[in-house]
Structures are given as structure tokens and as C-alpha cells.
């Protein structure tokens, strides 16, 4: 069976200037709660016609 390959590209946040970046750092809410990421069951949701390469 031929599988379709998906390339996931992720990145970070960008800021217009240093002032905006520092404001973000100072006001960002920090938590110790466990975060459930969207890719935990990614392969299961796609089905058997897809394959995931890499990390």
C-alpha cells in the first residue's frame, strides 16, 4: 500500500522588536501543569494511509 508522506514544520514566535519580546517574557503565564501536545495521537487520527518520519 502506498503511503502519503507529511512534512511537519514547526517554529517559534517572532517579535517586532526587543520591547515586545521583553513584554512577552514579563507577562507570560507560566504553569507546571502537563501540556498535552497535538501530535500525541497524530498518526492514529491520520489513519494507515500515512507514515510519519522523524521525531
C-alpha atoms as a PDB file:
ATOM      1  CA  UNK A   1       0.000   0.000   0.000  1.00  0.00           C
ATOM      2  CA  UNK A   2       1.370   3.396  -0.974  1.00  0.00           C
ATOM      3  CA  UNK A   3       1.684   5.806   1.957  1.00  0.00           C
ATOM      4  CA  UNK A   4       1.444   9.583   1.767  1.00  0.00           C
ATOM      5  CA  UNK A   5       4.282  11.467   3.405  1.00  0.00           C
ATOM      6  CA  UNK A   6       3.584  14.562   5.520  1.00  0.00           C
ATOM      7  CA  UNK A   7       6.256  17.094   6.420  1.00  0.00           C
ATOM      8  CA  UNK A   8       5.590  18.907   9.711  1.00  0.00           C
ATOM      9  CA  UNK A   9       7.336  22.236  10.065  1.00  0.00           C
ATOM     10  CA  UNK A  10       7.241  23.932  13.417  1.00  0.00           C
ATOM     11  CA  UNK A  11       8.752  27.118  14.622  1.00  0.00           C
ATOM     12  CA  UNK A  12       8.743  29.682  17.330  1.00  0.00           C
ATOM     13  CA  UNK A  13       7.350  33.087  17.957  1.00  0.00           C
ATOM     14  CA  UNK A  14       8.621  36.274  16.374  1.00  0.00           C
ATOM     15  CA  UNK A  15       8.534  39.795  17.712  1.00  0.00           C
ATOM     16  CA  UNK A  16       8.690  43.193  16.045  1.00  0.00           C
ATOM     17  CA  UNK A  17      11.327  44.467  18.441  1.00  0.00           C
ATOM     18  CA  UNK A  18      13.106  43.831  21.732  1.00  0.00           C
ATOM     19  CA  UNK A  19      10.490  45.798  23.698  1.00  0.00           C
ATOM     20  CA  UNK A  20       7.698  43.472  22.518  1.00  0.00           C
ATOM     21  CA  UNK A  21       9.817  40.418  23.306  1.00  0.00           C
ATOM     22  CA  UNK A  22      10.612  41.604  26.833  1.00  0.00           C
ATOM     23  CA  UNK A  23       6.941  42.421  27.433  1.00  0.00           C
ATOM     24  CA  UNK A  24       6.028  38.899  26.361  1.00  0.00           C
ATOM     25  CA  UNK A  25       8.588  37.390  28.743  1.00  0.00           C
ATOM     26  CA  UNK A  26       7.446  39.552  31.657  1.00  0.00           C
ATOM     27  CA  UNK A  27       3.730  38.862  31.184  1.00  0.00           C
ATOM     28  CA  UNK A  28       3.775  35.218  30.028  1.00  0.00           C
ATOM     29  CA  UNK A  29       1.841  32.948  32.336  1.00  0.00           C
ATOM     30  CA  UNK A  30       3.988  30.033  33.487  1.00  0.00           C
ATOM     31  CA  UNK A  31       2.486  26.752  34.636  1.00  0.00           C
ATOM     32  CA  UNK A  32       3.784  23.407  35.820  1.00  0.00           C
ATOM     33  CA  UNK A  33       0.708  21.577  34.516  1.00  0.00           C
ATOM     34  CA  UNK A  34       1.437  18.868  31.983  1.00  0.00           C
ATOM     35  CA  UNK A  35       0.686  20.024  28.453  1.00  0.00           C
ATOM     36  CA  UNK A  36      -0.847  17.536  26.034  1.00  0.00           C
ATOM     37  CA  UNK A  37       0.552  18.189  22.575  1.00  0.00           C
ATOM     38  CA  UNK A  38      -1.487  17.849  19.405  1.00  0.00           C
ATOM     39  CA  UNK A  39       0.822  15.207  17.934  1.00  0.00           C
ATOM     40  CA  UNK A  40       0.306  12.646  20.708  1.00  0.00           C
ATOM     41  CA  UNK A  41      -2.223  10.706  18.636  1.00  0.00           C
ATOM     42  CA  UNK A  42      -1.469  12.342  15.276  1.00  0.00           C
ATOM     43  CA  UNK A  43      -0.692   9.095  13.446  1.00  0.00           C
ATOM     44  CA  UNK A  44      -3.802   7.407  14.808  1.00  0.00           C
ATOM     45  CA  UNK A  45      -6.019  10.274  13.620  1.00  0.00           C
ATOM     46  CA  UNK A  46      -4.483  10.227  10.119  1.00  0.00           C
ATOM     47  CA  UNK A  47      -5.027   6.528   9.617  1.00  0.00           C
ATOM     48  CA  UNK A  48      -2.987   3.800   7.961  1.00  0.00           C
ATOM     49  CA  UNK A  49      -2.516   5.647   4.653  1.00  0.00           C
ATOM     50  CA  UNK A  50       0.101   7.953   6.146  1.00  0.00           C
ATOM     51  CA  UNK A  51       3.573   7.487   7.573  1.00  0.00           C
ATOM     52  CA  UNK A  52       5.436   9.743   9.982  1.00  0.00           C
ATOM     53  CA  UNK A  53       9.182  10.196   9.511  1.00  0.00           C
ATOM     54  CA  UNK A  54      11.495  11.628  12.123  1.00  0.00           C
ATOM     55  CA  UNK A  55      10.968  12.784  15.671  1.00  0.00           C
END
